[in-house]
Amino acid sequence: MWRKSSRSNGSGACVEVAFLGDGDVALRESDDPGTVVITSSIKWDAFLAGVRNNEFDRLRD
């Protein structure tokens, strides 16, 4: 089941995520659903930790 952020504004340009039965995580863009990236849950958790720690904030140097 594909999910998108509750903060999505409905513009159709969203990143969607699906948690797979084997523990991996699938990602896709809602406007290009045919292209899917699959990563491990360890990498997904590290990415989320980076987001929460503002490591990807465009305004930071």
PDB file of N, CA and C in Angstrom:
ATOM      1  N   MET A   1       0.842  -1.169   0.000  1.00  0.00           N
ATOM      2  CA  MET A   1       0.000   0.000   0.000  1.00  0.00           C
ATOM      3  C   MET A   1       0.895   1.243   0.000  1.00  0.00           C
ATOM      4  N   TRP A   2       0.686   2.128  -0.947  1.00  0.00           N
ATOM      5  CA  TRP A   2       1.452   3.370  -1.057  1.00  0.00           C
ATOM      6  C   TRP A   2       0.850   4.425  -0.147  1.00  0.00           C
ATOM      7  N   ARG A   3       1.732   5.157   0.539  1.00  0.00           N
ATOM      8  CA  ARG A   3       1.287   6.236   1.433  1.00  0.00           C
ATOM      9  C   ARG A   3       2.057   7.499   1.086  1.00  0.00           C
ATOM     10  N   LYS A   4       1.423   8.639   1.303  1.00  0.00           N
ATOM     11  CA  LYS A   4       2.136   9.905   1.151  1.00  0.00           C
ATOM     12  C   LYS A   4       1.954  10.725   2.413  1.00  0.00           C
ATOM     13  N   SER A   5       2.788  11.700   2.569  1.00  0.00           N
ATOM     14  CA  SER A   5       2.789  12.516   3.769  1.00  0.00           C
ATOM     15  C   SER A   5       1.442  13.201   3.984  1.00  0.00           C
ATOM     16  N   SER A   6       1.064  13.322   5.233  1.00  0.00           N
ATOM     17  CA  SER A   6      -0.145  14.074   5.561  1.00  0.00           C
ATOM     18  C   SER A   6       0.058  15.562   5.285  1.00  0.00           C
ATOM     19  N   ARG A   7       1.316  15.975   5.088  1.00  0.00           N
ATOM     20  CA  ARG A   7       1.625  17.369   4.760  1.00  0.00           C
ATOM     21  C   ARG A   7       1.582  17.627   3.257  1.00  0.00           C
ATOM     22  N   SER A   8       1.267  16.617   2.494  1.00  0.00           N
ATOM     23  CA  SER A   8       1.177  16.774   1.048  1.00  0.00           C
ATOM     24  C   SER A   8       0.087  17.790   0.725  1.00  0.00           C
ATOM     25  N   ASN A   9       0.373  18.680  -0.208  1.00  0.00           N
ATOM     26  CA  ASN A   9      -0.601  19.729  -0.519  1.00  0.00           C
ATOM     27  C   ASN A   9      -1.571  19.356  -1.637  1.00  0.00           C
ATOM     28  N   GLY A  10      -1.493  18.142  -2.125  1.00  0.00           N
ATOM     29  CA  GLY A  10      -2.427  17.699  -3.151  1.00  0.00           C
ATOM     30  C   GLY A  10      -2.076  18.141  -4.556  1.00  0.00           C
ATOM     31  N   SER A  11      -0.874  18.669  -4.770  1.00  0.00           N
ATOM     32  CA  SER A  11      -0.471  19.139  -6.099  1.00  0.00           C
ATOM     33  C   SER A  11      -0.149  17.997  -7.047  1.00  0.00           C
ATOM     34  N   GLY A  12      -0.028  16.783  -6.515  1.00  0.00           N
ATOM     35  CA  GLY A  12       0.286  15.639  -7.357  1.00  0.00           C
ATOM     36  C   GLY A  12       1.772  15.372  -7.478  1.00  0.00           C
ATOM     37  N   ALA A  13       2.603  16.225  -6.918  1.00  0.00           N
ATOM     38  CA  ALA A  13       4.054  16.048  -6.969  1.00  0.00           C
ATOM     39  C   ALA A  13       4.538  15.644  -5.581  1.00  0.00           C
ATOM     40  N   CYS A  14       4.275  14.421  -5.207  1.00  0.00           N
ATOM     41  CA  CYS A  14       4.575  13.946  -3.864  1.00  0.00           C
ATOM     42  C   CYS A  14       5.464  12.706  -3.916  1.00  0.00           C
ATOM     43  N   VAL A  15       6.190  12.483  -2.870  1.00  0.00           N
ATOM     44  CA  VAL A  15       6.930  11.238  -2.718  1.00  0.00           C
ATOM     45  C   VAL A  15       6.038  10.292  -1.929  1.00  0.00           C
ATOM     46  N   GLU A  16       5.899   9.083  -2.426  1.00  0.00           N
ATOM     47  CA  GLU A  16       5.091   8.075  -1.759  1.00  0.00           C
ATOM     48  C   GLU A  16       5.994   6.954  -1.257  1.00  0.00           C
ATOM     49  N   VAL A  17       5.579   6.310  -0.191  1.00  0.00           N
ATOM     50  CA  VAL A  17       6.369   5.247   0.423  1.00  0.00           C
ATOM     51  C   VAL A  17       5.479   4.024   0.632  1.00  0.00           C
ATOM     52  N   ALA A  18       6.085   2.853   0.489  1.00  0.00           N
ATOM     53  CA  ALA A  18       5.388   1.592   0.770  1.00  0.00           C
ATOM     54  C   ALA A  18       6.351   0.711   1.559  1.00  0.00           C
ATOM     55  N   PHE A  19       5.862   0.140   2.627  1.00  0.00           N
ATOM     56  CA  PHE A  19       6.658  -0.757   3.457  1.00  0.00           C
ATOM     57  C   PHE A  19       6.391  -2.188   2.996  1.00  0.00           C
ATOM     58  N   LEU A  20       7.428  -2.845   2.521  1.00  0.00           N
ATOM     59  CA  LEU A  20       7.294  -4.166   1.918  1.00  0.00           C
ATOM     60  C   LEU A  20       7.366  -5.253   2.972  1.00  0.00           C
ATOM     61  N   GLY A  21       6.822  -6.396   2.661  1.00  0.00           N
ATOM     62  CA  GLY A  21       6.746  -7.506   3.602  1.00  0.00           C
ATOM     63  C   GLY A  21       8.088  -8.032   4.073  1.00  0.00           C
ATOM     64  N   ASP A  22       9.143  -7.840   3.268  1.00  0.00           N
ATOM     65  CA  ASP A  22      10.460  -8.348   3.656  1.00  0.00           C
ATOM     66  C   ASP A  22      11.258  -7.346   4.484  1.00  0.00           C
ATOM     67  N   GLY A  23      10.637  -6.208   4.828  1.00  0.00           N
ATOM     68  CA  GLY A  23      11.312  -5.194   5.626  1.00  0.00           C
ATOM     69  C   GLY A  23      11.894  -4.062   4.812  1.00  0.00           C
ATOM     70  N   ASP A  24      11.972  -4.215   3.490  1.00  0.00           N
ATOM     71  CA  ASP A  24      12.476  -3.140   2.646  1.00  0.00           C
ATOM     72  C   ASP A  24      11.424  -2.045   2.504  1.00  0.00           C
ATOM     73  N   VAL A  25      11.864  -0.911   1.978  1.00  0.00           N
ATOM     74  CA  VAL A  25      10.996   0.247   1.797  1.00  0.00           C
ATOM     75  C   VAL A  25      11.060   0.660   0.332  1.00  0.00           C
ATOM     76  N   ALA A  26       9.905   0.885  -0.283  1.00  0.00           N
ATOM     77  CA  ALA A  26       9.827   1.327  -1.672  1.00  0.00           C
ATOM     78  C   ALA A  26       9.408   2.794  -1.705  1.00  0.00           C
ATOM     79  N   LEU A  27      10.029   3.554  -2.613  1.00  0.00           N
ATOM     80  CA  LEU A  27       9.733   4.972  -2.781  1.00  0.00           C
ATOM     81  C   LEU A  27       9.432   5.254  -4.242  1.00  0.00           C
ATOM     82  N   ARG A  28       8.525   6.190  -4.478  1.00  0.00           N
ATOM     83  CA  ARG A  28       8.235   6.622  -5.842  1.00  0.00           C
ATOM     84  C   ARG A  28       7.684   8.041  -5.793  1.00  0.00           C
ATOM     85  N   GLU A  29       7.724   8.696  -6.946  1.00  0.00           N
ATOM     86  CA  GLU A  29       7.095  10.006  -7.090  1.00  0.00           C
ATOM     87  C   GLU A  29       5.684   9.789  -7.624  1.00  0.00           C
ATOM     88  N   SER A  30       4.729  10.478  -7.056  1.00  0.00           N
ATOM     89  CA  SER A  30       3.345  10.257  -7.470  1.00  0.00           C
ATOM     90  C   SER A  30       3.111  10.626  -8.933  1.00  0.00           C
ATOM     91  N   ASP A  31       3.898  11.573  -9.476  1.00  0.00           N
ATOM     92  CA  ASP A  31       3.709  11.939 -10.873  1.00  0.00           C
ATOM     93  C   ASP A  31       4.493  11.044 -11.833  1.00  0.00           C
ATOM     94  N   ASP A  32       5.249  10.076 -11.305  1.00  0.00           N
ATOM     95  CA  ASP A  32       5.972   9.084 -12.116  1.00  0.00           C
ATOM     96  C   ASP A  32       5.940   7.746 -11.376  1.00  0.00           C
ATOM     97  N   PRO A  33       4.760   7.158 -11.201  1.00  0.00           N
ATOM     98  CA  PRO A  33       4.631   5.965 -10.369  1.00  0.00           C
ATOM     99  C   PRO A  33       5.298   4.713 -10.921  1.00  0.00           C
ATOM    100  N   GLY A  34       5.754   4.762 -12.174  1.00  0.00           N
ATOM    101  CA  GLY A  34       6.405   3.601 -12.757  1.00  0.00           C
ATOM    102  C   GLY A  34       7.849   3.429 -12.326  1.00  0.00           C
ATOM    103  N   THR A  35       8.457   4.473 -11.789  1.00  0.00           N
ATOM    104  CA  THR A  35       9.835   4.407 -11.325  1.00  0.00           C
ATOM    105  C   THR A  35       9.827   4.235  -9.815  1.00  0.00           C
ATOM    106  N   VAL A  36      10.372   3.118  -9.356  1.00  0.00           N
ATOM    107  CA  VAL A  36      10.364   2.796  -7.931  1.00  0.00           C
ATOM    108  C   VAL A  36      11.791   2.552  -7.461  1.00  0.00           C
ATOM    109  N   VAL A  37      12.126   3.109  -6.324  1.00  0.00           N
ATOM    110  CA  VAL A  37      13.417   2.874  -5.675  1.00  0.00           C
ATOM    111  C   VAL A  37      13.149   2.041  -4.430  1.00  0.00           C
ATOM    112  N   ILE A  38      13.912   0.977  -4.265  1.00  0.00           N
ATOM    113  CA  ILE A  38      13.753   0.126  -3.084  1.00  0.00           C
ATOM    114  C   ILE A  38      15.027   0.219  -2.253  1.00  0.00           C
ATOM    115  N   THR A  39      14.858   0.425  -0.962  1.00  0.00           N
ATOM    116  CA  THR A  39      15.980   0.533  -0.041  1.00  0.00           C
ATOM    117  C   THR A  39      15.697  -0.295   1.201  1.00  0.00           C
ATOM    118  N   SER A  40      16.719  -0.462   2.002  1.00  0.00           N
ATOM    119  CA  SER A  40      16.549  -1.243   3.231  1.00  0.00           C
ATOM    120  C   SER A  40      15.907  -0.387   4.324  1.00  0.00           C
ATOM    121  N   SER A  41      15.325  -1.028   5.298  1.00  0.00           N
ATOM    122  CA  SER A  41      14.728  -0.297   6.409  1.00  0.00           C
ATOM    123  C   SER A  41      15.799   0.428   7.224  1.00  0.00           C
ATOM    124  N   ILE A  42      17.022  -0.085   7.257  1.00  0.00           N
ATOM    125  CA  ILE A  42      18.116   0.581   7.980  1.00  0.00           C
ATOM    126  C   ILE A  42      18.443   1.913   7.310  1.00  0.00           C
ATOM    127  N   LYS A  43      18.540   1.919   5.991  1.00  0.00           N
ATOM    128  CA  LYS A  43      18.814   3.162   5.270  1.00  0.00           C
ATOM    129  C   LYS A  43      17.643   4.141   5.394  1.00  0.00           C
ATOM    130  N   TRP A  44      16.429   3.628   5.347  1.00  0.00           N
ATOM    131  CA  TRP A  44      15.239   4.472   5.501  1.00  0.00           C
ATOM    132  C   TRP A  44      15.248   5.137   6.879  1.00  0.00           C
ATOM    133  N   ASP A  45      15.532   4.359   7.911  1.00  0.00           N
ATOM    134  CA  ASP A  45      15.585   4.912   9.268  1.00  0.00           C
ATOM    135  C   ASP A  45      16.678   5.975   9.393  1.00  0.00           C
ATOM    136  N   ALA A  46      17.832   5.761   8.752  1.00  0.00           N
ATOM    137  CA  ALA A  46      18.913   6.743   8.778  1.00  0.00           C
ATOM    138  C   ALA A  46      18.486   8.022   8.052  1.00  0.00           C
ATOM    139  N   PHE A  47      17.787   7.874   6.935  1.00  0.00           N
ATOM    140  CA  PHE A  47      17.280   9.039   6.207  1.00  0.00           C
ATOM    141  C   PHE A  47      16.313   9.837   7.078  1.00  0.00           C
ATOM    142  N   LEU A  48      15.375   9.157   7.711  1.00  0.00           N
ATOM    143  CA  LEU A  48      14.407   9.854   8.564  1.00  0.00           C
ATOM    144  C   LEU A  48      15.095  10.565   9.724  1.00  0.00           C
ATOM    145  N   ALA A  49      16.111   9.934  10.294  1.00  0.00           N
ATOM    146  CA  ALA A  49      16.868  10.582  11.378  1.00  0.00           C
ATOM    147  C   ALA A  49      17.530  11.860  10.856  1.00  0.00           C
ATOM    148  N   GLY A  50      18.064  11.830   9.647  1.00  0.00           N
ATOM    149  CA  GLY A  50      18.661  13.010   9.048  1.00  0.00           C
ATOM    150  C   GLY A  50      17.648  14.117   8.820  1.00  0.00           C
ATOM    151  N   VAL A  51      16.451  13.751   8.382  1.00  0.00           N
ATOM    152  CA  VAL A  51      15.386  14.735   8.193  1.00  0.00           C
ATOM    153  C   VAL A  51      15.035  15.377   9.528  1.00  0.00           C
ATOM    154  N   ARG A  52      14.873  14.555  10.537  1.00  0.00           N
ATOM    155  CA  ARG A  52      14.517  15.080  11.865  1.00  0.00           C
ATOM    156  C   ARG A  52      15.604  15.962  12.462  1.00  0.00           C
ATOM    157  N   ASN A  53      16.854  15.732  12.068  1.00  0.00           N
ATOM    158  CA  ASN A  53      17.980  16.525  12.569  1.00  0.00           C
ATOM    159  C   ASN A  53      18.343  17.677  11.635  1.00  0.00           C
ATOM    160  N   ASN A  54      17.472  17.974  10.680  1.00  0.00           N
ATOM    161  CA  ASN A  54      17.651  19.081   9.731  1.00  0.00           C
ATOM    162  C   ASN A  54      18.910  18.954   8.881  1.00  0.00           C
ATOM    163  N   GLU A  55      19.394  17.752   8.654  1.00  0.00           N
ATOM    164  CA  GLU A  55      20.593  17.560   7.842  1.00  0.00           C
ATOM    165  C   GLU A  55      20.372  17.909   6.372  1.00  0.00           C
ATOM    166  N   PHE A  56      19.135  17.950   5.939  1.00  0.00           N
ATOM    167  CA  PHE A  56      18.832  18.206   4.538  1.00  0.00           C
ATOM    168  C   PHE A  56      18.166  19.563   4.334  1.00  0.00           C
ATOM    169  N   ASP A  57      18.212  20.415   5.330  1.00  0.00           N
ATOM    170  CA  ASP A  57      17.606  21.733   5.258  1.00  0.00           C
ATOM    171  C   ASP A  57      18.341  22.583   4.229  1.00  0.00           C
ATOM    172  N   ARG A  58      17.665  23.060   3.223  1.00  0.00           N
ATOM    173  CA  ARG A  58      18.277  23.859   2.162  1.00  0.00           C
ATOM    174  C   ARG A  58      18.863  25.169   2.681  1.00  0.00           C
ATOM    175  N   LEU A  59      18.370  25.646   3.782  1.00  0.00           N
ATOM    176  CA  LEU A  59      18.816  26.939   4.285  1.00  0.00           C
ATOM    177  C   LEU A  59      20.088  26.853   5.116  1.00  0.00           C
ATOM    178  N   ARG A  60      20.495  25.656   5.427  1.00  0.00           N
ATOM    179  CA  ARG A  60      21.718  25.480   6.225  1.00  0.00           C
ATOM    180  C   ARG A  60      22.933  25.480   5.324  1.00  0.00           C
ATOM    181  N   ASP A  61      24.029  25.972   5.838  1.00  0.00           N
ATOM    182  CA  ASP A  61      25.296  25.946   5.088  1.00  0.00           C
ATOM    183  C   ASP A  61      26.030  24.664   5.335  1.00  0.00           C
TER     184      ASP A  61
END
